[in-house]
Amino acid sequence: MDKEEEKVASDSVDGIDKNIKSDDEDNEVPHYGCDHYKRKSKFVTPCCNKVYTCRFCHDEQETHSVNRKEVTELICVVCDTRQPVQATCQNCNVRFGNYTCLECNLFDDDDKSQYHCDGCGICRVGGRDRFFHCATCNMCLPVQLKNGHKCVENVSHSNCPVCLDDIHTSRIPCHIPDCGHLLHRICFEELLHSGHYACPTCQVSLLDMTDLWRYLDQEVSLTPMPLEYKLYKAEILCKDCHEESTVKFHVVGLKCLHCGSYNTCRIKGSPCPADLDAQEASDSTESTDATESIETADPTEAIEPTEPTDEQAAETIDEEVAGCSGVTDDNQQTESD
C-alpha cells in the first residue's frame, strides 16, 4: 500500500471515528443545572405547579418557599420526560446526579463529599468522616470539637442573629464561637469589620481580646481622670465571666477585677464618689446602732418607782394639806356668792 492509499484509509477511519457516538455521549448535555446545583433534572413544584431546577431557584423567583421533600415529579433535561422522583430517567436511563439522595430529593454532579445525616434530617457537605452529629446541639460539628465544644440545645434550629436567615438549612458556612451561638461566617466577618467583637446573642467576646485589654490598660494609665472624678466608683457586671465588681470609674473603660476584661457594663445606678459612699455607710451604721440600742433597752428601768426619803415624804404631805385648804376656801366663797 502506497502513501496515498494509506492516507485515504486513514481519513476514512478518522471519518468513521468522528461519526461514531456512544450512548453516554448522546445523553450528555453541554450546559445543564443552575447556579446552585449541576443536575440533569428539573422538578415540578407541589406548591405552584411550576418547573424549577432547584428549590433555591424557586425561592428566588416566588414569594413563597418550597419544601423539596414534598416534590413528587421530575422532568429529565435530556429527553424531557415527566416522571416520578427516582435516581435515573425511566426513558433514557440517564442518571440525574452522581450524588443522589431520594430522601431529600437532591441530585448533584459536583463532588462536594456530600452525605445524608439522619440526625439533621438533611444532606451535608464536607465528608462524613470529618463531622459528627451532636444530639444536644442537634447538628453536625467538626470532629475537632467532639470533646471541646459548648452544647446549646437545638442551636442550629434558629436564625442567624445578624442576617436573620435560617441556619439549619443554609448553604452558607457557619462560625461557631466559644459561647456556642451560631452565626454565618460572612456575618461574623462583617461584625468584626464593623468593630463589633461581642456575640449578638449573649454579648460574650467572640475572639481572644487579650491584646486589646492590654492596650486599654495603657490608655487608662495615660489618661488620668480629673480631680472631681478621681474618687468615683462604679459597680459593673462583666459580660465574659458574669461576675460583679466595684471599680474606679474611668472614661476609657471599666475593667473587671476577676478576669481583666473590659467587656463590661455599669449596674446599680450612676458612679459616685468613694468617700461619699463611705460617709453614707458610716451614717447608716450609726443610725442602725442607735435604733438597736433604743429597741434593746429595758422599758421597766425607765418607769420603775423609787422609795422617797422621810424628808421628801413630809414635804409632800404638807403640800397636799395646803392645797386642800385653798380649794375648800374657794369653793365656800363661790357658794356664798
C-alpha atoms as a PDB file:
ATOM      1  CA  MET A   1       0.000   0.000   0.000  1.00  0.00           C
ATOM      2  CA  ASP A   2       1.480   3.275  -1.108  1.00  0.00           C
ATOM      3  CA  LYS A   3       1.371   6.504   0.823  1.00  0.00           C
ATOM      4  CA  GLU A   4      -1.699   7.840  -0.981  1.00  0.00           C
ATOM      5  CA  GLU A   5      -3.710   4.691  -0.151  1.00  0.00           C
ATOM      6  CA  GLU A   6      -2.594   4.861   3.487  1.00  0.00           C
ATOM      7  CA  LYS A   7      -3.738   8.486   3.647  1.00  0.00           C
ATOM      8  CA  VAL A   8      -7.158   7.672   2.168  1.00  0.00           C
ATOM      9  CA  ALA A   9      -7.566   4.746   4.560  1.00  0.00           C
ATOM     10  CA  SER A  10      -6.570   6.939   7.477  1.00  0.00           C
ATOM     11  CA  ASP A  11      -9.048   9.650   6.500  1.00  0.00           C
ATOM     12  CA  SER A  12     -11.817   7.092   6.142  1.00  0.00           C
ATOM     13  CA  VAL A  13     -11.069   5.675   9.593  1.00  0.00           C
ATOM     14  CA  ASP A  14     -10.996   9.176  11.072  1.00  0.00           C
ATOM     15  CA  GLY A  15     -14.324   9.890   9.431  1.00  0.00           C
ATOM     16  CA  ILE A  16     -15.847   6.749  10.859  1.00  0.00           C
ATOM     17  CA  ASP A  17     -14.496   7.539  14.319  1.00  0.00           C
ATOM     18  CA  LYS A  18     -15.879  11.060  14.174  1.00  0.00           C
ATOM     19  CA  ASN A  19     -19.369   9.829  13.310  1.00  0.00           C
ATOM     20  CA  ILE A  20     -19.477   7.120  15.988  1.00  0.00           C
ATOM     21  CA  LYS A  21     -21.005   8.245  19.347  1.00  0.00           C
ATOM     22  CA  SER A  22     -21.584   6.255  22.499  1.00  0.00           C
ATOM     23  CA  ASP A  23     -24.857   6.212  24.429  1.00  0.00           C
ATOM     24  CA  ASP A  24     -23.248   8.307  27.168  1.00  0.00           C
ATOM     25  CA  GLU A  25     -22.267  10.960  24.647  1.00  0.00           C
ATOM     26  CA  ASP A  26     -25.826  11.049  23.329  1.00  0.00           C
ATOM     27  CA  ASN A  27     -27.105  11.692  26.845  1.00  0.00           C
ATOM     28  CA  GLU A  28     -24.595  14.411  27.626  1.00  0.00           C
ATOM     29  CA  VAL A  29     -25.968  17.926  27.944  1.00  0.00           C
ATOM     30  CA  PRO A  30     -23.418  20.702  27.323  1.00  0.00           C
ATOM     31  CA  HIS A  31     -24.985  23.136  29.764  1.00  0.00           C
ATOM     32  CA  TYR A  32     -27.335  21.902  32.451  1.00  0.00           C
ATOM     33  CA  GLY A  33     -28.236  22.590  36.019  1.00  0.00           C
ATOM     34  CA  CYS A  34     -28.257  26.007  37.656  1.00  0.00           C
ATOM     35  CA  ASP A  35     -26.008  28.238  39.718  1.00  0.00           C
ATOM     36  CA  HIS A  36     -26.721  26.113  42.786  1.00  0.00           C
ATOM     37  CA  TYR A  37     -26.604  22.508  41.524  1.00  0.00           C
ATOM     38  CA  LYS A  38     -25.337  20.676  38.458  1.00  0.00           C
ATOM     39  CA  ARG A  39     -28.055  18.118  37.735  1.00  0.00           C
ATOM     40  CA  LYS A  40     -29.861  16.579  34.744  1.00  0.00           C
ATOM     41  CA  SER A  41     -33.348  17.060  36.057  1.00  0.00           C
ATOM     42  CA  LYS A  42     -35.883  19.674  36.999  1.00  0.00           C
ATOM     43  CA  PHE A  43     -38.708  19.266  39.494  1.00  0.00           C
ATOM     44  CA  VAL A  44     -42.346  20.218  39.444  1.00  0.00           C
ATOM     45  CA  THR A  45     -43.165  22.287  42.482  1.00  0.00           C
ATOM     46  CA  PRO A  46     -46.086  20.927  44.523  1.00  0.00           C
ATOM     47  CA  CYS A  47     -46.988  24.414  45.767  1.00  0.00           C
ATOM     48  CA  CYS A  48     -47.452  26.302  42.487  1.00  0.00           C
ATOM     49  CA  ASN A  49     -47.067  23.531  39.851  1.00  0.00           C
ATOM     50  CA  LYS A  50     -44.146  25.258  38.141  1.00  0.00           C
ATOM     51  CA  VAL A  51     -40.856  23.808  36.894  1.00  0.00           C
ATOM     52  CA  TYR A  52     -37.553  24.807  38.509  1.00  0.00           C
ATOM     53  CA  THR A  53     -34.092  23.280  38.640  1.00  0.00           C
ATOM     54  CA  CYS A  54     -33.800  23.538  42.447  1.00  0.00           C
ATOM     55  CA  ARG A  55     -35.559  24.967  45.488  1.00  0.00           C
ATOM     56  CA  PHE A  56     -33.261  27.997  45.607  1.00  0.00           C
ATOM     57  CA  CYS A  57     -34.201  28.956  42.059  1.00  0.00           C
ATOM     58  CA  HIS A  58     -37.852  28.664  43.070  1.00  0.00           C
ATOM     59  CA  ASP A  59     -37.478  30.734  46.237  1.00  0.00           C
ATOM     60  CA  GLU A  60     -35.624  33.487  44.358  1.00  0.00           C
ATOM     61  CA  GLN A  61     -38.476  33.884  41.869  1.00  0.00           C
ATOM     62  CA  GLU A  62     -41.525  33.263  44.034  1.00  0.00           C
ATOM     63  CA  THR A  63     -42.907  34.944  47.133  1.00  0.00           C
ATOM     64  CA  HIS A  64     -43.143  31.630  48.988  1.00  0.00           C
ATOM     65  CA  SER A  65     -40.737  28.769  49.684  1.00  0.00           C
ATOM     66  CA  VAL A  66     -40.934  25.144  48.607  1.00  0.00           C
ATOM     67  CA  ASN A  67     -40.248  22.019  50.639  1.00  0.00           C
ATOM     68  CA  ARG A  68     -38.110  19.827  48.407  1.00  0.00           C
ATOM     69  CA  LYS A  69     -39.119  16.705  50.348  1.00  0.00           C
ATOM     70  CA  GLU A  70     -42.687  17.204  49.105  1.00  0.00           C
ATOM     71  CA  VAL A  71     -41.639  17.069  45.443  1.00  0.00           C
ATOM     72  CA  THR A  72     -43.098  14.024  43.672  1.00  0.00           C
ATOM     73  CA  GLU A  73     -42.375  14.669  39.961  1.00  0.00           C
ATOM     74  CA  LEU A  74     -39.226  15.285  37.927  1.00  0.00           C
ATOM     75  CA  ILE A  75     -38.551  16.233  34.324  1.00  0.00           C
ATOM     76  CA  CYS A  76     -35.460  14.839  32.586  1.00  0.00           C
ATOM     77  CA  VAL A  77     -33.497  17.592  30.846  1.00  0.00           C
ATOM     78  CA  VAL A  78     -32.135  15.101  28.270  1.00  0.00           C
ATOM     79  CA  CYS A  79     -35.381  13.604  26.940  1.00  0.00           C
ATOM     80  CA  ASP A  80     -37.894  15.975  28.585  1.00  0.00           C
ATOM     81  CA  THR A  81     -39.812  13.084  30.147  1.00  0.00           C
ATOM     82  CA  ARG A  82     -42.027  13.854  33.128  1.00  0.00           C
ATOM     83  CA  GLN A  83     -41.849  11.078  35.706  1.00  0.00           C
ATOM     84  CA  PRO A  84     -41.928  10.270  39.427  1.00  0.00           C
ATOM     85  CA  VAL A  85     -38.883  11.083  41.557  1.00  0.00           C
ATOM     86  CA  GLN A  86     -36.148   8.469  41.006  1.00  0.00           C
ATOM     87  CA  ALA A  87     -32.393   8.211  40.559  1.00  0.00           C
ATOM     88  CA  THR A  88     -32.342   7.568  36.772  1.00  0.00           C
ATOM     89  CA  CYS A  89     -34.608   8.540  33.922  1.00  0.00           C
ATOM     90  CA  GLN A  90     -37.188   5.877  33.057  1.00  0.00           C
ATOM     91  CA  ASN A  91     -36.933   6.743  29.370  1.00  0.00           C
ATOM     92  CA  CYS A  92     -33.267   7.393  28.537  1.00  0.00           C
ATOM     93  CA  ASN A  93     -31.660   5.860  31.670  1.00  0.00           C
ATOM     94  CA  VAL A  94     -29.543   8.948  32.318  1.00  0.00           C
ATOM     95  CA  ARG A  95     -28.530   9.391  35.951  1.00  0.00           C
ATOM     96  CA  PHE A  96     -29.824  12.682  37.292  1.00  0.00           C
ATOM     97  CA  GLY A  97     -26.804  13.255  39.547  1.00  0.00           C
ATOM     98  CA  ASN A  98     -23.623  11.496  40.605  1.00  0.00           C
ATOM     99  CA  TYR A  99     -24.770  12.117  44.169  1.00  0.00           C
ATOM    100  CA  THR A 100     -28.382  11.151  44.720  1.00  0.00           C
ATOM    101  CA  CYS A 101     -30.435  11.320  47.908  1.00  0.00           C
ATOM    102  CA  LEU A 102     -34.045  10.252  47.385  1.00  0.00           C
ATOM    103  CA  GLU A 103     -34.936  11.203  50.949  1.00  0.00           C
ATOM    104  CA  CYS A 104     -34.040  14.859  50.326  1.00  0.00           C
ATOM    105  CA  ASN A 105     -34.753  14.718  46.569  1.00  0.00           C
ATOM    106  CA  LEU A 106     -31.241  16.012  45.992  1.00  0.00           C
ATOM    107  CA  PHE A 107     -29.200  15.400  42.818  1.00  0.00           C
ATOM    108  CA  ASP A 108     -25.764  16.852  42.104  1.00  0.00           C
ATOM    109  CA  ASP A 109     -22.964  16.029  39.664  1.00  0.00           C
ATOM    110  CA  ASP A 110     -20.405  18.144  41.533  1.00  0.00           C
ATOM    111  CA  ASP A 111     -18.380  16.203  44.076  1.00  0.00           C
ATOM    112  CA  LYS A 112     -18.705  18.051  47.390  1.00  0.00           C
ATOM    113  CA  SER A 113     -18.245  14.991  49.625  1.00  0.00           C
ATOM    114  CA  GLN A 114     -21.980  15.014  50.277  1.00  0.00           C
ATOM    115  CA  TYR A 115     -23.594  12.731  52.824  1.00  0.00           C
ATOM    116  CA  HIS A 116     -27.012  12.413  54.404  1.00  0.00           C
ATOM    117  CA  CYS A 117     -27.233  12.892  58.174  1.00  0.00           C
ATOM    118  CA  ASP A 118     -30.189  11.118  59.760  1.00  0.00           C
ATOM    119  CA  GLY A 119     -29.896  13.266  62.885  1.00  0.00           C
ATOM    120  CA  CYS A 120     -30.075  16.552  60.992  1.00  0.00           C
ATOM    121  CA  GLY A 121     -32.585  15.151  58.502  1.00  0.00           C
ATOM    122  CA  ILE A 122     -30.784  16.790  55.560  1.00  0.00           C
ATOM    123  CA  CYS A 123     -27.711  16.303  53.376  1.00  0.00           C
ATOM    124  CA  ARG A 124     -24.416  17.846  54.409  1.00  0.00           C
ATOM    125  CA  VAL A 125     -21.184  18.542  52.513  1.00  0.00           C
ATOM    126  CA  GLY A 126     -17.596  18.038  53.625  1.00  0.00           C
ATOM    127  CA  GLY A 127     -17.395  14.292  54.211  1.00  0.00           C
ATOM    128  CA  ARG A 128     -18.995  12.058  56.817  1.00  0.00           C
ATOM    129  CA  ASP A 129     -15.612  11.198  58.348  1.00  0.00           C
ATOM    130  CA  ARG A 130     -14.889  14.858  59.142  1.00  0.00           C
ATOM    131  CA  PHE A 131     -18.078  15.544  61.121  1.00  0.00           C
ATOM    132  CA  PHE A 132     -20.127  14.081  63.958  1.00  0.00           C
ATOM    133  CA  HIS A 133     -23.715  14.708  64.983  1.00  0.00           C
ATOM    134  CA  CYS A 134     -24.204  16.225  68.450  1.00  0.00           C
ATOM    135  CA  ALA A 135     -27.571  15.128  69.843  1.00  0.00           C
ATOM    136  CA  THR A 136     -27.828  18.122  72.198  1.00  0.00           C
ATOM    137  CA  CYS A 137     -26.922  20.782  69.641  1.00  0.00           C
ATOM    138  CA  ASN A 138     -28.869  18.746  67.060  1.00  0.00           C
ATOM    139  CA  MET A 139     -26.402  19.470  64.283  1.00  0.00           C
ATOM    140  CA  CYS A 140     -23.223  18.176  62.659  1.00  0.00           C
ATOM    141  CA  LEU A 141     -19.984  19.602  64.048  1.00  0.00           C
ATOM    142  CA  PRO A 142     -16.319  19.098  63.098  1.00  0.00           C
ATOM    143  CA  VAL A 143     -14.708  16.128  64.816  1.00  0.00           C
ATOM    144  CA  GLN A 144     -12.172  18.520  66.398  1.00  0.00           C
ATOM    145  CA  LEU A 145     -14.997  19.854  68.593  1.00  0.00           C
ATOM    146  CA  LYS A 146     -16.283  16.467  69.735  1.00  0.00           C
ATOM    147  CA  ASN A 147     -14.937  16.824  73.267  1.00  0.00           C
ATOM    148  CA  GLY A 148     -14.326  20.555  73.362  1.00  0.00           C
ATOM    149  CA  HIS A 149     -17.455  22.479  72.420  1.00  0.00           C
ATOM    150  CA  LYS A 150     -20.174  24.116  74.485  1.00  0.00           C
ATOM    151  CA  CYS A 151     -23.519  22.444  73.861  1.00  0.00           C
ATOM    152  CA  VAL A 152     -26.510  24.704  73.227  1.00  0.00           C
ATOM    153  CA  GLU A 153     -29.780  22.840  72.755  1.00  0.00           C
ATOM    154  CA  ASN A 154     -31.054  22.942  69.161  1.00  0.00           C
ATOM    155  CA  VAL A 155     -28.613  25.741  68.412  1.00  0.00           C
ATOM    156  CA  SER A 156     -28.840  25.435  64.623  1.00  0.00           C
ATOM    157  CA  HIS A 157     -32.644  25.442  64.556  1.00  0.00           C
ATOM    158  CA  SER A 158     -32.719  29.216  64.750  1.00  0.00           C
ATOM    159  CA  ASN A 159     -31.989  32.214  62.587  1.00  0.00           C
ATOM    160  CA  CYS A 160     -28.637  33.932  62.260  1.00  0.00           C
ATOM    161  CA  PRO A 161     -28.673  36.832  64.762  1.00  0.00           C
ATOM    162  CA  VAL A 162     -27.141  39.133  62.127  1.00  0.00           C
ATOM    163  CA  CYS A 163     -28.991  38.465  58.853  1.00  0.00           C
ATOM    164  CA  LEU A 164     -31.953  36.605  60.422  1.00  0.00           C
ATOM    165  CA  ASP A 165     -31.796  33.841  57.782  1.00  0.00           C
ATOM    166  CA  ASP A 166     -32.228  30.181  58.688  1.00  0.00           C
ATOM    167  CA  ILE A 167     -29.026  28.451  59.745  1.00  0.00           C
ATOM    168  CA  HIS A 168     -30.001  24.768  59.780  1.00  0.00           C
ATOM    169  CA  THR A 169     -30.723  24.503  56.054  1.00  0.00           C
ATOM    170  CA  SER A 170     -28.419  27.297  54.899  1.00  0.00           C
ATOM    171  CA  ARG A 171     -25.713  26.588  52.315  1.00  0.00           C
ATOM    172  CA  ILE A 172     -23.555  29.331  53.859  1.00  0.00           C
ATOM    173  CA  PRO A 173     -20.863  28.009  56.258  1.00  0.00           C
ATOM    174  CA  CYS A 174     -21.339  28.835  59.930  1.00  0.00           C
ATOM    175  CA  HIS A 175     -18.946  30.168  62.528  1.00  0.00           C
ATOM    176  CA  ILE A 176     -19.005  28.541  65.980  1.00  0.00           C
ATOM    177  CA  PRO A 177     -17.727  30.923  68.713  1.00  0.00           C
ATOM    178  CA  ASP A 178     -16.764  29.803  72.216  1.00  0.00           C
ATOM    179  CA  CYS A 179     -20.193  30.726  73.578  1.00  0.00           C
ATOM    180  CA  GLY A 180     -21.801  28.239  71.190  1.00  0.00           C
ATOM    181  CA  HIS A 181     -24.243  30.607  69.447  1.00  0.00           C
ATOM    182  CA  LEU A 182     -24.029  30.095  65.687  1.00  0.00           C
ATOM    183  CA  LEU A 183     -23.873  32.782  63.043  1.00  0.00           C
ATOM    184  CA  HIS A 184     -22.967  32.753  59.376  1.00  0.00           C
ATOM    185  CA  ARG A 185     -19.271  33.062  58.677  1.00  0.00           C
ATOM    186  CA  ILE A 186     -19.731  36.034  56.377  1.00  0.00           C
ATOM    187  CA  CYS A 187     -21.908  37.703  59.035  1.00  0.00           C
ATOM    188  CA  PHE A 188     -19.185  37.047  61.606  1.00  0.00           C
ATOM    189  CA  GLU A 189     -16.589  38.676  59.361  1.00  0.00           C
ATOM    190  CA  GLU A 190     -18.864  41.664  58.775  1.00  0.00           C
ATOM    191  CA  LEU A 191     -19.279  42.087  62.526  1.00  0.00           C
ATOM    192  CA  LEU A 192     -15.525  42.206  63.046  1.00  0.00           C
ATOM    193  CA  HIS A 193     -15.102  44.598  60.113  1.00  0.00           C
ATOM    194  CA  SER A 194     -17.689  46.908  61.713  1.00  0.00           C
ATOM    195  CA  GLY A 195     -15.877  46.883  65.062  1.00  0.00           C
ATOM    196  CA  HIS A 196     -18.284  44.592  66.939  1.00  0.00           C
ATOM    197  CA  TYR A 197     -16.457  41.863  68.853  1.00  0.00           C
ATOM    198  CA  ALA A 198     -19.239  40.506  71.087  1.00  0.00           C
ATOM    199  CA  CYS A 199     -21.775  37.779  70.344  1.00  0.00           C
ATOM    200  CA  PRO A 200     -25.077  39.359  69.251  1.00  0.00           C
ATOM    201  CA  THR A 201     -26.953  36.793  71.341  1.00  0.00           C
ATOM    202  CA  CYS A 202     -25.140  36.723  74.706  1.00  0.00           C
ATOM    203  CA  GLN A 203     -22.574  39.589  74.411  1.00  0.00           C
ATOM    204  CA  VAL A 204     -19.603  37.311  75.251  1.00  0.00           C
ATOM    205  CA  SER A 205     -16.397  38.209  73.386  1.00  0.00           C
ATOM    206  CA  LEU A 206     -16.132  36.438  70.027  1.00  0.00           C
ATOM    207  CA  LEU A 207     -12.315  36.480  69.973  1.00  0.00           C
ATOM    208  CA  ASP A 208      -9.340  36.358  72.299  1.00  0.00           C
ATOM    209  CA  MET A 209      -9.246  40.019  73.325  1.00  0.00           C
ATOM    210  CA  THR A 210      -6.082  39.868  75.474  1.00  0.00           C
ATOM    211  CA  ASP A 211      -4.122  42.243  73.242  1.00  0.00           C
ATOM    212  CA  LEU A 212      -6.944  44.786  73.215  1.00  0.00           C
ATOM    213  CA  TRP A 213      -7.334  44.636  77.001  1.00  0.00           C
ATOM    214  CA  ARG A 214      -3.588  45.238  77.349  1.00  0.00           C
ATOM    215  CA  TYR A 215      -3.853  48.248  75.053  1.00  0.00           C
ATOM    216  CA  LEU A 216      -6.753  49.649  77.098  1.00  0.00           C
ATOM    217  CA  ASP A 217      -4.680  49.211  80.266  1.00  0.00           C
ATOM    218  CA  GLN A 218      -2.072  51.509  78.743  1.00  0.00           C
ATOM    219  CA  GLU A 219      -4.716  54.022  77.681  1.00  0.00           C
ATOM    220  CA  VAL A 220      -6.147  54.117  81.203  1.00  0.00           C
ATOM    221  CA  SER A 221      -2.719  54.708  82.729  1.00  0.00           C
ATOM    222  CA  LEU A 222      -2.007  57.530  80.239  1.00  0.00           C
ATOM    223  CA  THR A 223      -5.386  59.208  80.737  1.00  0.00           C
ATOM    224  CA  PRO A 224      -5.741  60.460  84.323  1.00  0.00           C
ATOM    225  CA  MET A 225      -9.213  61.402  85.440  1.00  0.00           C
ATOM    226  CA  PRO A 226      -9.989  64.986  86.637  1.00  0.00           C
ATOM    227  CA  LEU A 227      -9.746  65.539  90.398  1.00  0.00           C
ATOM    228  CA  GLU A 228     -13.514  65.767  90.847  1.00  0.00           C
ATOM    229  CA  TYR A 229     -13.903  62.280  89.363  1.00  0.00           C
ATOM    230  CA  LYS A 230     -10.771  60.672  90.719  1.00  0.00           C
ATOM    231  CA  LEU A 231     -12.507  59.048  93.680  1.00  0.00           C
ATOM    232  CA  TYR A 232     -15.602  57.954  91.789  1.00  0.00           C
ATOM    233  CA  LYS A 233     -16.513  54.280  91.917  1.00  0.00           C
ATOM    234  CA  ALA A 234     -18.798  52.242  89.655  1.00  0.00           C
ATOM    235  CA  GLU A 235     -20.413  48.851  90.090  1.00  0.00           C
ATOM    236  CA  ILE A 236     -20.087  46.743  86.948  1.00  0.00           C
ATOM    237  CA  LEU A 237     -21.085  43.385  85.501  1.00  0.00           C
ATOM    238  CA  CYS A 238     -18.605  41.508  83.308  1.00  0.00           C
ATOM    239  CA  LYS A 239     -20.167  40.028  80.173  1.00  0.00           C
ATOM    240  CA  ASP A 240     -17.359  37.496  79.793  1.00  0.00           C
ATOM    241  CA  CYS A 241     -17.177  35.934  83.276  1.00  0.00           C
ATOM    242  CA  HIS A 242     -20.588  37.199  84.520  1.00  0.00           C
ATOM    243  CA  GLU A 243     -19.130  38.452  87.822  1.00  0.00           C
ATOM    244  CA  GLU A 244     -19.918  41.749  89.557  1.00  0.00           C
ATOM    245  CA  SER A 245     -17.293  44.087  90.997  1.00  0.00           C
ATOM    246  CA  THR A 246     -16.768  47.673  92.177  1.00  0.00           C
ATOM    247  CA  VAL A 247     -14.040  49.513  90.274  1.00  0.00           C
ATOM    248  CA  LYS A 248     -12.679  53.016  89.794  1.00  0.00           C
ATOM    249  CA  PHE A 249     -14.691  54.965  87.247  1.00  0.00           C
ATOM    250  CA  HIS A 250     -12.815  55.793  84.041  1.00  0.00           C
ATOM    251  CA  VAL A 251     -13.989  57.151  80.704  1.00  0.00           C
ATOM    252  CA  VAL A 252     -11.760  54.781  78.715  1.00  0.00           C
ATOM    253  CA  GLY A 253     -13.293  51.623  80.174  1.00  0.00           C
ATOM    254  CA  LEU A 254     -14.250  49.725  83.291  1.00  0.00           C
ATOM    255  CA  LYS A 255     -12.042  46.694  83.875  1.00  0.00           C
ATOM    256  CA  CYS A 256     -13.369  43.531  85.505  1.00  0.00           C
ATOM    257  CA  LEU A 257     -11.473  42.679  88.689  1.00  0.00           C
ATOM    258  CA  HIS A 258     -12.000  38.944  88.159  1.00  0.00           C
ATOM    259  CA  CYS A 259     -10.923  38.228  84.561  1.00  0.00           C
ATOM    260  CA  GLY A 260      -9.426  41.547  83.411  1.00  0.00           C
ATOM    261  CA  SER A 261     -11.960  42.059  80.614  1.00  0.00           C
ATOM    262  CA  TYR A 262     -13.210  45.462  79.521  1.00  0.00           C
ATOM    263  CA  ASN A 263     -16.359  43.865  78.093  1.00  0.00           C
ATOM    264  CA  THR A 264     -18.415  45.221  80.999  1.00  0.00           C
ATOM    265  CA  CYS A 265     -21.456  47.367  81.739  1.00  0.00           C
ATOM    266  CA  ARG A 266     -22.468  49.565  84.689  1.00  0.00           C
ATOM    267  CA  ILE A 267     -25.163  48.408  87.092  1.00  0.00           C
ATOM    268  CA  LYS A 268     -26.921  49.789  90.190  1.00  0.00           C
ATOM    269  CA  GLY A 269     -27.079  53.448  89.232  1.00  0.00           C
ATOM    270  CA  SER A 270     -24.581  56.134  88.286  1.00  0.00           C
ATOM    271  CA  PRO A 271     -20.973  56.341  89.534  1.00  0.00           C
ATOM    272  CA  CYS A 272     -20.492  58.168  92.844  1.00  0.00           C
ATOM    273  CA  PRO A 273     -17.503  59.278  94.936  1.00  0.00           C
ATOM    274  CA  ALA A 274     -15.957  56.642  97.170  1.00  0.00           C
ATOM    275  CA  ASP A 275     -15.723  58.984 100.223  1.00  0.00           C
ATOM    276  CA  LEU A 276     -19.426  59.826  99.872  1.00  0.00           C
ATOM    277  CA  ASP A 277     -20.207  56.159  99.878  1.00  0.00           C
ATOM    278  CA  ALA A 278     -18.106  55.683 102.988  1.00  0.00           C
ATOM    279  CA  GLN A 279     -19.808  58.622 104.752  1.00  0.00           C
ATOM    280  CA  GLU A 280     -23.255  57.316 103.861  1.00  0.00           C
ATOM    281  CA  ALA A 281     -22.286  53.868 105.047  1.00  0.00           C
ATOM    282  CA  SER A 282     -20.945  55.327 108.326  1.00  0.00           C
ATOM    283  CA  ASP A 283     -24.120  57.372 108.898  1.00  0.00           C
ATOM    284  CA  SER A 284     -26.238  54.366 108.142  1.00  0.00           C
ATOM    285  CA  THR A 285     -24.245  52.295 110.634  1.00  0.00           C
ATOM    286  CA  GLU A 286     -24.571  54.887 113.393  1.00  0.00           C
ATOM    287  CA  SER A 287     -28.309  55.225 112.794  1.00  0.00           C
ATOM    288  CA  THR A 288     -28.699  51.484 112.918  1.00  0.00           C
ATOM    289  CA  ASP A 289     -26.734  51.240 116.160  1.00  0.00           C
ATOM    290  CA  ALA A 290     -28.850  53.970 117.798  1.00  0.00           C
ATOM    291  CA  THR A 291     -32.052  52.276 116.753  1.00  0.00           C
ATOM    292  CA  GLU A 292     -30.858  48.948 118.055  1.00  0.00           C
ATOM    293  CA  SER A 293     -29.874  50.492 121.428  1.00  0.00           C
ATOM    294  CA  ILE A 294     -33.351  52.009 121.828  1.00  0.00           C
ATOM    295  CA  GLU A 295     -35.082  48.825 120.859  1.00  0.00           C
ATOM    296  CA  THR A 296     -32.985  46.666 123.161  1.00  0.00           C
ATOM    297  CA  ALA A 297     -33.269  48.942 126.251  1.00  0.00           C
ATOM    298  CA  ASP A 298     -35.335  47.535 129.208  1.00  0.00           C
ATOM    299  CA  PRO A 299     -38.536  49.661 129.460  1.00  0.00           C
ATOM    300  CA  THR A 300     -39.008  48.800 133.145  1.00  0.00           C
ATOM    301  CA  GLU A 301     -35.853  50.698 134.035  1.00  0.00           C
ATOM    302  CA  ALA A 302     -37.377  53.997 132.842  1.00  0.00           C
ATOM    303  CA  ILE A 303     -40.607  53.758 134.866  1.00  0.00           C
ATOM    304  CA  GLU A 304     -39.560  51.834 137.968  1.00  0.00           C
ATOM    305  CA  PRO A 305     -40.621  53.854 141.100  1.00  0.00           C
ATOM    306  CA  THR A 306     -38.068  54.794 143.762  1.00  0.00           C
ATOM    307  CA  GLU A 307     -38.657  54.932 147.540  1.00  0.00           C
ATOM    308  CA  PRO A 308     -38.833  58.585 148.807  1.00  0.00           C
ATOM    309  CA  THR A 309     -36.826  59.660 151.855  1.00  0.00           C
ATOM    310  CA  ASP A 310     -38.521  60.723 155.148  1.00  0.00           C
ATOM    311  CA  GLU A 311     -37.941  64.419 154.480  1.00  0.00           C
ATOM    312  CA  GLN A 312     -39.374  64.170 150.949  1.00  0.00           C
ATOM    313  CA  ALA A 313     -42.445  62.364 152.293  1.00  0.00           C
ATOM    314  CA  ALA A 314     -43.064  65.068 154.968  1.00  0.00           C
ATOM    315  CA  GLU A 315     -42.774  67.872 152.372  1.00  0.00           C
ATOM    316  CA  THR A 316     -45.195  66.101 150.081  1.00  0.00           C
ATOM    317  CA  ILE A 317     -47.813  65.752 152.870  1.00  0.00           C
ATOM    318  CA  ASP A 318     -47.558  69.460 153.782  1.00  0.00           C
ATOM    319  CA  GLU A 319     -48.058  70.488 150.148  1.00  0.00           C
ATOM    320  CA  GLU A 320     -51.131  68.308 149.840  1.00  0.00           C
ATOM    321  CA  VAL A 321     -52.719  69.725 153.063  1.00  0.00           C
ATOM    322  CA  ALA A 322     -52.100  73.290 151.936  1.00  0.00           C
ATOM    323  CA  GLY A 323     -53.612  72.618 148.581  1.00  0.00           C
ATOM    324  CA  CYS A 324     -56.725  71.083 150.062  1.00  0.00           C
ATOM    325  CA  SER A 325     -57.320  74.078 152.337  1.00  0.00           C
ATOM    326  CA  GLY A 326     -57.114  76.528 149.419  1.00  0.00           C
ATOM    327  CA  VAL A 327     -59.588  74.561 147.323  1.00  0.00           C
ATOM    328  CA  THR A 328     -62.101  74.411 150.207  1.00  0.00           C
ATOM    329  CA  ASP A 329     -61.991  78.189 150.798  1.00  0.00           C
ATOM    330  CA  ASP A 330     -62.502  78.881 147.117  1.00  0.00           C
ATOM    331  CA  ASN A 331     -65.460  76.572 146.982  1.00  0.00           C
ATOM    332  CA  GLN A 332     -67.069  78.159 150.028  1.00  0.00           C
ATOM    333  CA  GLN A 333     -66.546  81.633 148.562  1.00  0.00           C
ATOM    334  CA  THR A 334     -68.254  80.644 145.343  1.00  0.00           C
ATOM    335  CA  GLU A 335     -71.232  79.118 147.120  1.00  0.00           C
ATOM    336  CA  SER A 336     -71.789  82.183 149.327  1.00  0.00           C
ATOM    337  CA  ASP A 337     -71.666  84.481 146.306  1.00  0.00           C
END
